[in-house]
C-alpha atoms as a PDB file:
ATOM      1  CA  UNK A   1      19.338 -38.913  53.508  1.00  0.00           C
ATOM      2  CA  UNK A   2      18.130 -37.946  50.013  1.00  0.00           C
ATOM      3  CA  UNK A   3      19.895 -35.372  47.959  1.00  0.00           C
ATOM      4  CA  UNK A   4      17.906 -32.430  46.666  1.00  0.00           C
ATOM      5  CA  UNK A   5      20.241 -32.185  43.673  1.00  0.00           C
ATOM      6  CA  UNK A   6      17.973 -34.143  41.235  1.00  0.00           C
ATOM      7  CA  UNK A   7      14.986 -32.000  42.180  1.00  0.00           C
ATOM      8  CA  UNK A   8      17.105 -28.855  41.702  1.00  0.00           C
ATOM      9  CA  UNK A   9      18.232 -30.081  38.250  1.00  0.00           C
ATOM     10  CA  UNK A  10      14.666 -30.905  37.209  1.00  0.00           C
ATOM     11  CA  UNK A  11      13.510 -27.407  38.169  1.00  0.00           C
ATOM     12  CA  UNK A  12      16.389 -25.808  36.329  1.00  0.00           C
ATOM     13  CA  UNK A  13      15.721 -27.879  33.189  1.00  0.00           C
ATOM     14  CA  UNK A  14      12.043 -26.975  33.441  1.00  0.00           C
ATOM     15  CA  UNK A  15      12.884 -23.253  33.628  1.00  0.00           C
ATOM     16  CA  UNK A  16      15.255 -23.492  30.667  1.00  0.00           C
ATOM     17  CA  UNK A  17      12.646 -25.308  28.567  1.00  0.00           C
ATOM     18  CA  UNK A  18      10.057 -22.660  29.449  1.00  0.00           C
ATOM     19  CA  UNK A  19      12.454 -19.905  28.407  1.00  0.00           C
ATOM     20  CA  UNK A  20      13.270 -21.640  25.114  1.00  0.00           C
ATOM     21  CA  UNK A  21       9.560 -22.141  24.430  1.00  0.00           C
ATOM     22  CA  UNK A  22       8.862 -18.464  25.076  1.00  0.00           C
ATOM     23  CA  UNK A  23      11.664 -17.470  22.717  1.00  0.00           C
ATOM     24  CA  UNK A  24      10.261 -19.685  19.981  1.00  0.00           C
ATOM     25  CA  UNK A  25       6.891 -17.993  20.368  1.00  0.00           C
ATOM     26  CA  UNK A  26       8.190 -14.405  20.327  1.00  0.00           C
ATOM     27  CA  UNK A  27      11.125 -14.604  17.896  1.00  0.00           C
ATOM     28  CA  UNK A  28       8.907 -14.829  14.770  1.00  0.00           C
ATOM     29  CA  UNK A  29       7.581 -11.340  15.594  1.00  0.00           C
ATOM     30  CA  UNK A  30      11.044  -9.959  14.950  1.00  0.00           C
ATOM     31  CA  UNK A  31      11.898 -12.351  12.108  1.00  0.00           C
ATOM     32  CA  UNK A  32       9.475 -10.664   9.719  1.00  0.00           C
ATOM     33  CA  UNK A  33      11.495  -7.426   9.684  1.00  0.00           C
ATOM     34  CA  UNK A  34      13.064  -6.710   6.309  1.00  0.00           C
ATOM     35  CA  UNK A  35      16.102  -4.521   5.693  1.00  0.00           C
ATOM     36  CA  UNK A  36      14.842  -2.394   2.828  1.00  0.00           C
ATOM     37  CA  UNK A  37      16.957  -0.750   0.156  1.00  0.00           C
ATOM     38  CA  UNK A  38      16.320   2.752  -1.158  1.00  0.00           C
ATOM     39  CA  UNK A  39      13.832   1.856  -3.896  1.00  0.00           C
ATOM     40  CA  UNK A  40      10.126   2.158  -3.038  1.00  0.00           C
ATOM     41  CA  UNK A  41       7.102   0.747  -4.847  1.00  0.00           C
ATOM     42  CA  UNK A  42       5.153   3.504  -6.631  1.00  0.00           C
ATOM     43  CA  UNK A  43       1.686   3.132  -8.106  1.00  0.00           C
ATOM     44  CA  UNK A  44       0.253   6.316  -9.568  1.00  0.00           C
ATOM     45  CA  UNK A  45       0.716   8.998  -6.936  1.00  0.00           C
ATOM     46  CA  UNK A  46       0.949   6.464  -4.092  1.00  0.00           C
ATOM     47  CA  UNK A  47       4.378   5.454  -2.732  1.00  0.00           C
ATOM     48  CA  UNK A  48       4.375   2.603  -0.233  1.00  0.00           C
ATOM     49  CA  UNK A  49       6.723   2.972   2.746  1.00  0.00           C
ATOM     50  CA  UNK A  50       9.466   0.554   3.804  1.00  0.00           C
ATOM     51  CA  UNK A  51       8.906  -1.803   6.725  1.00  0.00           C
ATOM     52  CA  UNK A  52      10.725   0.539   9.138  1.00  0.00           C
ATOM     53  CA  UNK A  53       8.831   3.588   7.856  1.00  0.00           C
ATOM     54  CA  UNK A  54       5.477   1.800   8.170  1.00  0.00           C
ATOM     55  CA  UNK A  55       6.316   0.650  11.707  1.00  0.00           C
ATOM     56  CA  UNK A  56       7.362   4.194  12.718  1.00  0.00           C
ATOM     57  CA  UNK A  57       4.136   5.633  11.276  1.00  0.00           C
ATOM     58  CA  UNK A  58       2.114   2.952  13.081  1.00  0.00           C
ATOM     59  CA  UNK A  59       3.751   3.858  16.408  1.00  0.00           C
ATOM     60  CA  UNK A  60       3.153   7.561  15.789  1.00  0.00           C
ATOM     61  CA  UNK A  61      -0.522   7.051  14.952  1.00  0.00           C
ATOM     62  CA  UNK A  62      -1.008   4.574  17.815  1.00  0.00           C
ATOM     63  CA  UNK A  63       0.450   7.099  20.270  1.00  0.00           C
ATOM     64  CA  UNK A  64      -2.032   9.734  19.039  1.00  0.00           C
ATOM     65  CA  UNK A  65      -5.013   7.343  19.148  1.00  0.00           C
ATOM     66  CA  UNK A  66      -4.176   6.098  22.656  1.00  0.00           C
ATOM     67  CA  UNK A  67      -3.112   9.424  24.175  1.00  0.00           C
ATOM     68  CA  UNK A  68      -4.466   9.519  27.761  1.00  0.00           C
ATOM     69  CA  UNK A  69      -6.003  12.991  27.241  1.00  0.00           C
ATOM     70  CA  UNK A  70      -7.001  13.274  23.579  1.00  0.00           C
ATOM     71  CA  UNK A  71      -7.109   9.646  22.391  1.00  0.00           C
ATOM     72  CA  UNK A  72     -10.287   7.599  22.125  1.00  0.00           C
ATOM     73  CA  UNK A  73      -8.663   4.149  22.240  1.00  0.00           C
ATOM     74  CA  UNK A  74      -6.667   1.921  24.564  1.00  0.00           C
ATOM     75  CA  UNK A  75      -3.973  -0.221  22.948  1.00  0.00           C
ATOM     76  CA  UNK A  76      -4.352  -3.963  23.429  1.00  0.00           C
ATOM     77  CA  UNK A  77      -1.445  -4.998  21.194  1.00  0.00           C
ATOM     78  CA  UNK A  78       1.325  -2.588  20.190  1.00  0.00           C
ATOM     79  CA  UNK A  79       2.397  -2.159  16.570  1.00  0.00           C
ATOM     80  CA  UNK A  80       3.395  -5.511  15.124  1.00  0.00           C
ATOM     81  CA  UNK A  81       3.780  -7.389  11.853  1.00  0.00           C
ATOM     82  CA  UNK A  82       0.476  -8.852  10.728  1.00  0.00           C
ATOM     83  CA  UNK A  83       1.051 -12.167   8.996  1.00  0.00           C
ATOM     84  CA  UNK A  84       4.145 -13.237   7.102  1.00  0.00           C
ATOM     85  CA  UNK A  85       5.799 -10.993   4.528  1.00  0.00           C
ATOM     86  CA  UNK A  86       5.124 -11.849   0.905  1.00  0.00           C
ATOM     87  CA  UNK A  87       7.273 -11.567  -2.172  1.00  0.00           C
ATOM     88  CA  UNK A  88       6.485 -10.607  -5.752  1.00  0.00           C
ATOM     89  CA  UNK A  89       9.552 -10.642  -7.987  1.00  0.00           C
ATOM     90  CA  UNK A  90      12.196  -8.553  -6.245  1.00  0.00           C
ATOM     91  CA  UNK A  91       9.627  -6.821  -4.023  1.00  0.00           C
ATOM     92  CA  UNK A  92       8.825  -7.799  -0.417  1.00  0.00           C
ATOM     93  CA  UNK A  93       5.567  -6.619   1.112  1.00  0.00           C
ATOM     94  CA  UNK A  94       3.533  -6.947   4.265  1.00  0.00           C
ATOM     95  CA  UNK A  95       1.290  -5.293   6.818  1.00  0.00           C
ATOM     96  CA  UNK A  96       1.866  -3.704  10.202  1.00  0.00           C
ATOM     97  CA  UNK A  97      -1.021  -3.367  12.634  1.00  0.00           C
ATOM     98  CA  UNK A  98      -2.040  -2.069  16.027  1.00  0.00           C
ATOM     99  CA  UNK A  99      -4.943  -3.534  18.030  1.00  0.00           C
ATOM    100  CA  UNK A 100      -7.047  -1.131  20.102  1.00  0.00           C
ATOM    101  CA  UNK A 101     -10.270  -0.971  22.110  1.00  0.00           C
ATOM    102  CA  UNK A 102     -12.569   2.063  22.309  1.00  0.00           C
ATOM    103  CA  UNK A 103     -12.583   3.626  25.751  1.00  0.00           C
ATOM    104  CA  UNK A 104     -16.292   4.339  25.826  1.00  0.00           C
ATOM    105  CA  UNK A 105     -17.779   1.218  24.236  1.00  0.00           C
ATOM    106  CA  UNK A 106     -15.124  -1.459  24.493  1.00  0.00           C
ATOM    107  CA  UNK A 107     -15.264  -2.284  20.765  1.00  0.00           C
ATOM    108  CA  UNK A 108     -12.091  -3.852  19.348  1.00  0.00           C
ATOM    109  CA  UNK A 109     -10.415  -2.592  16.184  1.00  0.00           C
ATOM    110  CA  UNK A 110      -7.259  -3.395  14.255  1.00  0.00           C
ATOM    111  CA  UNK A 111      -5.677  -0.608  12.209  1.00  0.00           C
ATOM    112  CA  UNK A 112      -3.293  -1.782   9.498  1.00  0.00           C
ATOM    113  CA  UNK A 113      -0.761  -0.204   7.175  1.00  0.00           C
ATOM    114  CA  UNK A 114       0.974  -1.620   4.111  1.00  0.00           C
ATOM    115  CA  UNK A 115       4.676  -1.596   3.288  1.00  0.00           C
ATOM    116  CA  UNK A 116       6.603  -2.682   0.218  1.00  0.00           C
ATOM    117  CA  UNK A 117      10.236  -2.439  -0.795  1.00  0.00           C
ATOM    118  CA  UNK A 118      13.185  -4.220  -2.355  1.00  0.00           C
ATOM    119  CA  UNK A 119      15.346  -5.760   0.356  1.00  0.00           C
ATOM    120  CA  UNK A 120      19.000  -4.692   0.310  1.00  0.00           C
ATOM    121  CA  UNK A 121      20.193  -8.062  -1.029  1.00  0.00           C
ATOM    122  CA  UNK A 122      17.474  -8.157  -3.719  1.00  0.00           C
ATOM    123  CA  UNK A 123      18.137  -4.576  -4.781  1.00  0.00           C
ATOM    124  CA  UNK A 124      21.827  -5.368  -5.348  1.00  0.00           C
ATOM    125  CA  UNK A 125      20.954  -8.594  -7.188  1.00  0.00           C
ATOM    126  CA  UNK A 126      18.465  -6.928  -9.558  1.00  0.00           C
ATOM    127  CA  UNK A 127      20.735  -3.901 -10.107  1.00  0.00           C
ATOM    128  CA  UNK A 128      23.336  -6.201 -11.701  1.00  0.00           C
ATOM    129  CA  UNK A 129      21.098  -6.698 -14.737  1.00  0.00           C
ATOM    130  CA  UNK A 130      19.430  -9.931 -13.671  1.00  0.00           C
ATOM    131  CA  UNK A 131      15.863  -9.987 -14.949  1.00  0.00           C
END
């Protein structure tokens, strides 16, 4: 009589590897988040939001655009980081985006917003007089 134990182990290993693979695919989405300090990048009369502020604004605008009654779009990909964050001196920057499709025509669009800030660790470093 053959034992089903090896087959059981192979299935379990297969499931674990699938789970690990899925985590490796989805973890980078969350890895781009930056813990911003208080300082914001200002250019003229424009102040860029922090990562969290930009993500909150994206969710707010996406909810309005995809509202079942008043919205004209259907979301295909919720608010997310678009690309990897960049760095210029002490400043980190990036884009958040939401992907949508028009309800009447089926055209796809991506709406993006910019963010820029000094991360908490950078803000403390640069505040100590390091230039």
